[in-house]
């Protein structure tokens, strides 16, 4: 499984370093089973998944295999989509629920 952490995710992780261990645990669980851990998103976030870290704090990520199977890659349009294998997880955003979806 290839794992990519977008810059926005890493910046948010440094900002919220107090929950770094919780985030690491969730990231490990997502890598183990990305479909079971996340909730597929709709609308402007079609193709993405969200997974709660704690009550109002979420991780937003992509799982390339599912994105391509559902043809969501036509909506998401990752700049490196063709360079990534199906078994790739991209961790995109991390933060409080309302702020994460606002980006």
N, C-alpha and C. Protein backbone atom coordinates (compact mmCIF):
# COMPACT_ATOMS: atom_id res chain seq x y z
N UNK A 1 0.85 -1.18 0.00
CA UNK A 1 0.00 0.00 0.00
C UNK A 1 0.89 1.24 0.00
N UNK A 2 0.71 2.09 -0.99
CA UNK A 2 1.43 3.35 -1.04
C UNK A 2 0.65 4.39 -0.23
N UNK A 3 1.34 5.16 0.57
CA UNK A 3 0.70 6.16 1.42
C UNK A 3 1.30 7.52 1.13
N UNK A 4 0.44 8.50 0.88
CA UNK A 4 0.87 9.86 0.59
C UNK A 4 0.19 10.80 1.58
N UNK A 5 0.97 11.72 2.11
CA UNK A 5 0.44 12.74 3.01
C UNK A 5 0.56 14.09 2.32
N UNK A 6 -0.57 14.70 2.01
CA UNK A 6 -0.57 16.02 1.38
C UNK A 6 -0.03 17.06 2.35
N UNK A 7 0.47 18.14 1.82
CA UNK A 7 1.06 19.21 2.63
C UNK A 7 0.06 19.75 3.66
N UNK A 8 -1.18 19.95 3.26
CA UNK A 8 -2.20 20.48 4.18
C UNK A 8 -2.41 19.55 5.37
N UNK A 9 -2.36 18.25 5.13
CA UNK A 9 -2.51 17.27 6.20
C UNK A 9 -1.34 17.39 7.19
N UNK A 10 -0.12 17.47 6.67
CA UNK A 10 1.06 17.55 7.53
C UNK A 10 1.10 18.85 8.33
N UNK A 11 0.69 19.94 7.71
CA UNK A 11 0.63 21.23 8.41
C UNK A 11 -0.38 21.15 9.55
N UNK A 12 -1.55 20.57 9.28
CA UNK A 12 -2.57 20.43 10.32
C UNK A 12 -2.10 19.51 11.44
N UNK A 13 -1.35 18.48 11.09
CA UNK A 13 -0.84 17.56 12.11
C UNK A 13 0.13 18.28 13.05
N UNK A 14 0.97 19.14 12.49
CA UNK A 14 1.87 19.93 13.36
C UNK A 14 1.08 20.90 14.22
N UNK A 15 0.05 21.49 13.65
CA UNK A 15 -0.78 22.45 14.39
C UNK A 15 -1.52 21.77 15.55
N UNK A 16 -1.95 20.54 15.33
CA UNK A 16 -2.73 19.80 16.34
C UNK A 16 -1.89 18.66 16.91
N UNK A 17 -0.67 18.96 17.27
CA UNK A 17 0.28 17.94 17.72
C UNK A 17 -0.17 17.23 19.02
N UNK A 18 -1.07 17.85 19.75
CA UNK A 18 -1.53 17.22 21.00
C UNK A 18 -2.29 15.92 20.76
N UNK A 19 -2.82 15.73 19.56
CA UNK A 19 -3.54 14.49 19.26
C UNK A 19 -2.79 13.63 18.24
N UNK A 20 -1.51 13.87 18.11
CA UNK A 20 -0.70 13.16 17.12
C UNK A 20 -0.80 11.64 17.27
N UNK A 21 -0.79 11.14 18.49
CA UNK A 21 -0.87 9.69 18.70
C UNK A 21 -2.23 9.13 18.27
N UNK A 22 -3.31 9.87 18.53
CA UNK A 22 -4.63 9.45 18.08
C UNK A 22 -4.70 9.42 16.55
N UNK A 23 -4.13 10.44 15.94
CA UNK A 23 -4.11 10.51 14.48
C UNK A 23 -3.31 9.34 13.91
N UNK A 24 -2.16 9.05 14.49
CA UNK A 24 -1.33 7.94 14.01
C UNK A 24 -2.08 6.62 14.10
N UNK A 25 -2.81 6.42 15.18
CA UNK A 25 -3.59 5.19 15.35
C UNK A 25 -4.65 5.07 14.25
N UNK A 26 -5.36 6.17 13.98
CA UNK A 26 -6.39 6.17 12.94
C UNK A 26 -5.78 5.97 11.55
N UNK A 27 -4.66 6.62 11.29
CA UNK A 27 -3.98 6.46 10.00
C UNK A 27 -3.61 4.99 9.80
N UNK A 28 -3.06 4.36 10.83
CA UNK A 28 -2.70 2.95 10.74
C UNK A 28 -3.93 2.08 10.45
N UNK A 29 -5.04 2.40 11.08
CA UNK A 29 -6.27 1.64 10.88
C UNK A 29 -6.81 1.85 9.45
N UNK A 30 -6.71 3.06 8.96
CA UNK A 30 -7.16 3.36 7.59
C UNK A 30 -6.30 2.60 6.58
N UNK A 31 -4.99 2.60 6.80
CA UNK A 31 -4.09 1.88 5.91
C UNK A 31 -4.42 0.39 5.90
N UNK A 32 -4.78 -0.14 7.04
CA UNK A 32 -5.12 -1.56 7.16
C UNK A 32 -6.40 -1.90 6.38
N UNK A 33 -7.41 -1.02 6.46
CA UNK A 33 -8.68 -1.28 5.78
C UNK A 33 -9.36 0.05 5.43
N UNK A 34 -8.96 0.69 4.35
CA UNK A 34 -9.45 2.03 4.03
C UNK A 34 -10.95 2.13 3.78
N UNK A 35 -11.55 1.10 3.25
CA UNK A 35 -12.98 1.18 2.95
C UNK A 35 -13.82 1.06 4.22
N UNK A 36 -13.44 0.14 5.10
CA UNK A 36 -14.21 -0.08 6.33
C UNK A 36 -14.09 1.08 7.31
N UNK A 37 -12.95 1.76 7.31
CA UNK A 37 -12.71 2.82 8.30
C UNK A 37 -13.37 4.14 7.95
N UNK A 38 -13.58 4.37 6.67
CA UNK A 38 -14.07 5.69 6.27
C UNK A 38 -15.50 5.69 5.80
N UNK A 39 -16.05 6.88 5.79
CA UNK A 39 -17.40 7.11 5.28
C UNK A 39 -17.26 7.85 3.96
N UNK A 40 -17.83 7.29 2.87
CA UNK A 40 -17.72 7.98 1.58
C UNK A 40 -18.46 9.32 1.63
N UNK A 41 -17.84 10.32 1.06
CA UNK A 41 -18.42 11.66 1.06
C UNK A 41 -19.14 11.93 -0.25
N UNK A 42 -19.99 12.93 -0.25
CA UNK A 42 -20.81 13.27 -1.42
C UNK A 42 -20.63 14.74 -1.77
N UNK A 43 -21.31 15.14 -2.81
CA UNK A 43 -21.31 16.55 -3.22
C UNK A 43 -19.94 17.01 -3.65
N UNK A 44 -19.51 18.14 -3.11
CA UNK A 44 -18.20 18.71 -3.44
C UNK A 44 -17.05 17.80 -3.04
N UNK A 45 -17.30 16.85 -2.17
CA UNK A 45 -16.26 15.94 -1.67
C UNK A 45 -16.41 14.53 -2.25
N UNK A 46 -17.12 14.40 -3.34
CA UNK A 46 -17.30 13.10 -4.00
C UNK A 46 -15.94 12.46 -4.28
N UNK A 47 -15.81 11.19 -3.93
CA UNK A 47 -14.56 10.47 -4.14
C UNK A 47 -13.70 10.39 -2.90
N UNK A 48 -13.94 11.25 -1.94
CA UNK A 48 -13.17 11.28 -0.71
C UNK A 48 -13.87 10.48 0.38
N UNK A 49 -13.11 10.14 1.41
CA UNK A 49 -13.65 9.48 2.61
C UNK A 49 -13.30 10.33 3.82
N UNK A 50 -14.12 10.21 4.86
CA UNK A 50 -13.79 10.85 6.14
C UNK A 50 -13.78 9.79 7.22
N UNK A 51 -12.93 10.01 8.21
CA UNK A 51 -12.82 9.11 9.34
C UNK A 51 -12.63 9.96 10.59
N UNK A 52 -13.46 9.77 11.61
CA UNK A 52 -13.30 10.56 12.83
C UNK A 52 -12.06 10.14 13.62
N UNK A 53 -11.37 11.15 14.14
CA UNK A 53 -10.23 10.90 15.03
C UNK A 53 -10.75 10.93 16.46
N UNK A 54 -11.53 11.93 16.74
CA UNK A 54 -12.25 12.04 18.00
C UNK A 54 -13.55 12.78 17.70
N UNK A 55 -14.30 13.12 18.67
CA UNK A 55 -15.68 13.57 18.50
C UNK A 55 -15.91 14.50 17.30
N UNK A 56 -15.25 15.60 17.19
CA UNK A 56 -15.50 16.56 16.12
C UNK A 56 -14.24 16.81 15.29
N UNK A 57 -13.38 15.83 15.18
CA UNK A 57 -12.10 15.98 14.50
C UNK A 57 -11.96 14.85 13.48
N UNK A 58 -11.69 15.18 12.22
CA UNK A 58 -11.71 14.17 11.18
C UNK A 58 -10.44 14.15 10.31
N UNK A 59 -10.27 13.02 9.65
CA UNK A 59 -9.27 12.84 8.61
C UNK A 59 -10.04 12.70 7.30
N UNK A 60 -9.62 13.41 6.28
CA UNK A 60 -10.19 13.26 4.94
C UNK A 60 -9.11 12.65 4.06
N UNK A 61 -9.50 11.59 3.34
CA UNK A 61 -8.52 10.88 2.51
C UNK A 61 -9.16 10.33 1.24
N UNK A 62 -8.29 9.93 0.32
CA UNK A 62 -8.69 9.27 -0.92
C UNK A 62 -8.12 7.87 -0.95
N UNK A 63 -8.86 6.94 -1.51
CA UNK A 63 -8.35 5.59 -1.78
C UNK A 63 -8.47 5.41 -3.29
N UNK A 64 -7.35 5.42 -3.97
CA UNK A 64 -7.32 5.48 -5.43
C UNK A 64 -8.12 4.36 -6.10
N UNK A 65 -8.03 3.16 -5.57
CA UNK A 65 -8.73 2.02 -6.19
C UNK A 65 -10.23 2.28 -6.29
N UNK A 66 -10.84 2.70 -5.21
CA UNK A 66 -12.28 2.95 -5.19
C UNK A 66 -12.61 4.18 -6.02
N UNK A 67 -11.78 5.19 -5.92
CA UNK A 67 -11.99 6.43 -6.67
C UNK A 67 -12.09 6.11 -8.17
N UNK A 68 -11.19 5.27 -8.65
CA UNK A 68 -11.19 4.91 -10.08
C UNK A 68 -12.36 4.00 -10.44
N UNK A 69 -12.68 3.05 -9.58
CA UNK A 69 -13.78 2.12 -9.87
C UNK A 69 -15.11 2.85 -10.00
N UNK A 70 -15.30 3.88 -9.18
CA UNK A 70 -16.54 4.65 -9.21
C UNK A 70 -16.49 5.80 -10.21
N UNK A 71 -15.37 5.92 -10.92
CA UNK A 71 -15.13 7.02 -11.87
C UNK A 71 -15.12 8.38 -11.19
N UNK A 72 -14.86 8.39 -9.89
CA UNK A 72 -14.73 9.65 -9.16
C UNK A 72 -13.45 10.38 -9.54
N UNK A 73 -12.49 9.65 -10.12
CA UNK A 73 -11.24 10.29 -10.54
C UNK A 73 -11.50 11.38 -11.58
N UNK A 74 -12.61 11.30 -12.30
CA UNK A 74 -12.98 12.33 -13.27
C UNK A 74 -13.42 13.61 -12.57
N UNK A 75 -13.89 13.46 -11.33
CA UNK A 75 -14.34 14.62 -10.54
C UNK A 75 -13.18 15.15 -9.69
N UNK A 76 -12.47 14.24 -9.04
CA UNK A 76 -11.39 14.63 -8.12
C UNK A 76 -10.22 15.25 -8.88
N UNK A 77 -9.84 14.64 -9.98
CA UNK A 77 -8.77 15.14 -10.86
C UNK A 77 -7.46 15.39 -10.13
N UNK A 78 -6.92 14.38 -9.47
CA UNK A 78 -5.61 14.50 -8.83
C UNK A 78 -4.55 14.71 -9.91
N UNK A 79 -3.63 15.60 -9.66
CA UNK A 79 -2.60 15.90 -10.65
C UNK A 79 -1.67 14.71 -10.90
N UNK A 80 -1.54 13.82 -9.94
CA UNK A 80 -0.65 12.68 -10.08
C UNK A 80 -1.41 11.35 -10.21
N UNK A 81 -2.67 11.40 -10.57
CA UNK A 81 -3.52 10.21 -10.61
C UNK A 81 -2.91 9.10 -11.47
N UNK A 82 -2.45 9.42 -12.64
CA UNK A 82 -1.93 8.40 -13.55
C UNK A 82 -0.61 7.79 -13.07
N UNK A 83 0.06 8.48 -12.15
CA UNK A 83 1.35 8.01 -11.64
C UNK A 83 1.21 7.11 -10.42
N UNK A 84 0.01 6.99 -9.87
CA UNK A 84 -0.19 6.26 -8.63
C UNK A 84 -0.87 4.92 -8.87
N UNK A 85 -0.43 3.87 -8.17
CA UNK A 85 -1.11 2.57 -8.28
C UNK A 85 -2.47 2.61 -7.57
N UNK A 86 -3.32 1.65 -7.90
CA UNK A 86 -4.64 1.57 -7.27
C UNK A 86 -4.54 1.49 -5.75
N UNK A 87 -3.56 0.80 -5.24
CA UNK A 87 -3.40 0.61 -3.80
C UNK A 87 -2.68 1.81 -3.16
N UNK A 88 -3.19 3.00 -3.43
CA UNK A 88 -2.64 4.23 -2.87
C UNK A 88 -3.69 4.91 -2.01
N UNK A 89 -3.26 5.37 -0.84
CA UNK A 89 -4.12 6.18 0.03
C UNK A 89 -3.47 7.54 0.14
N UNK A 90 -4.26 8.58 -0.10
CA UNK A 90 -3.79 9.95 0.03
C UNK A 90 -4.51 10.59 1.22
N UNK A 91 -3.75 10.97 2.22
CA UNK A 91 -4.30 11.69 3.37
C UNK A 91 -4.28 13.17 3.01
N UNK A 92 -5.47 13.75 2.88
CA UNK A 92 -5.62 15.08 2.30
C UNK A 92 -5.72 16.18 3.35
N UNK A 93 -6.64 16.01 4.29
CA UNK A 93 -6.89 17.04 5.31
C UNK A 93 -7.09 16.41 6.68
N UNK A 94 -6.85 17.23 7.68
CA UNK A 94 -7.03 16.85 9.07
C UNK A 94 -7.50 18.07 9.81
N UNK A 95 -8.54 17.93 10.62
CA UNK A 95 -8.97 19.09 11.40
C UNK A 95 -10.36 18.94 11.96
N UNK A 96 -10.81 20.00 12.65
CA UNK A 96 -12.18 20.03 13.16
C UNK A 96 -13.16 19.87 11.99
N UNK A 97 -14.23 19.19 12.22
CA UNK A 97 -15.20 18.85 11.18
C UNK A 97 -15.54 20.04 10.27
N UNK A 98 -16.01 21.13 10.84
CA UNK A 98 -16.46 22.27 10.05
C UNK A 98 -15.34 22.93 9.27
N UNK A 99 -14.17 23.04 9.86
CA UNK A 99 -13.04 23.66 9.18
C UNK A 99 -12.48 22.78 8.07
N UNK A 100 -12.46 21.49 8.29
CA UNK A 100 -11.92 20.57 7.28
C UNK A 100 -12.78 20.63 6.00
N UNK A 101 -14.09 20.63 6.14
CA UNK A 101 -14.95 20.67 4.98
C UNK A 101 -14.98 22.04 4.34
N UNK A 102 -14.56 23.06 5.07
CA UNK A 102 -14.56 24.41 4.53
C UNK A 102 -13.43 24.68 3.57
N UNK A 103 -12.42 23.81 3.54
CA UNK A 103 -11.23 24.04 2.69
C UNK A 103 -11.52 23.71 1.25
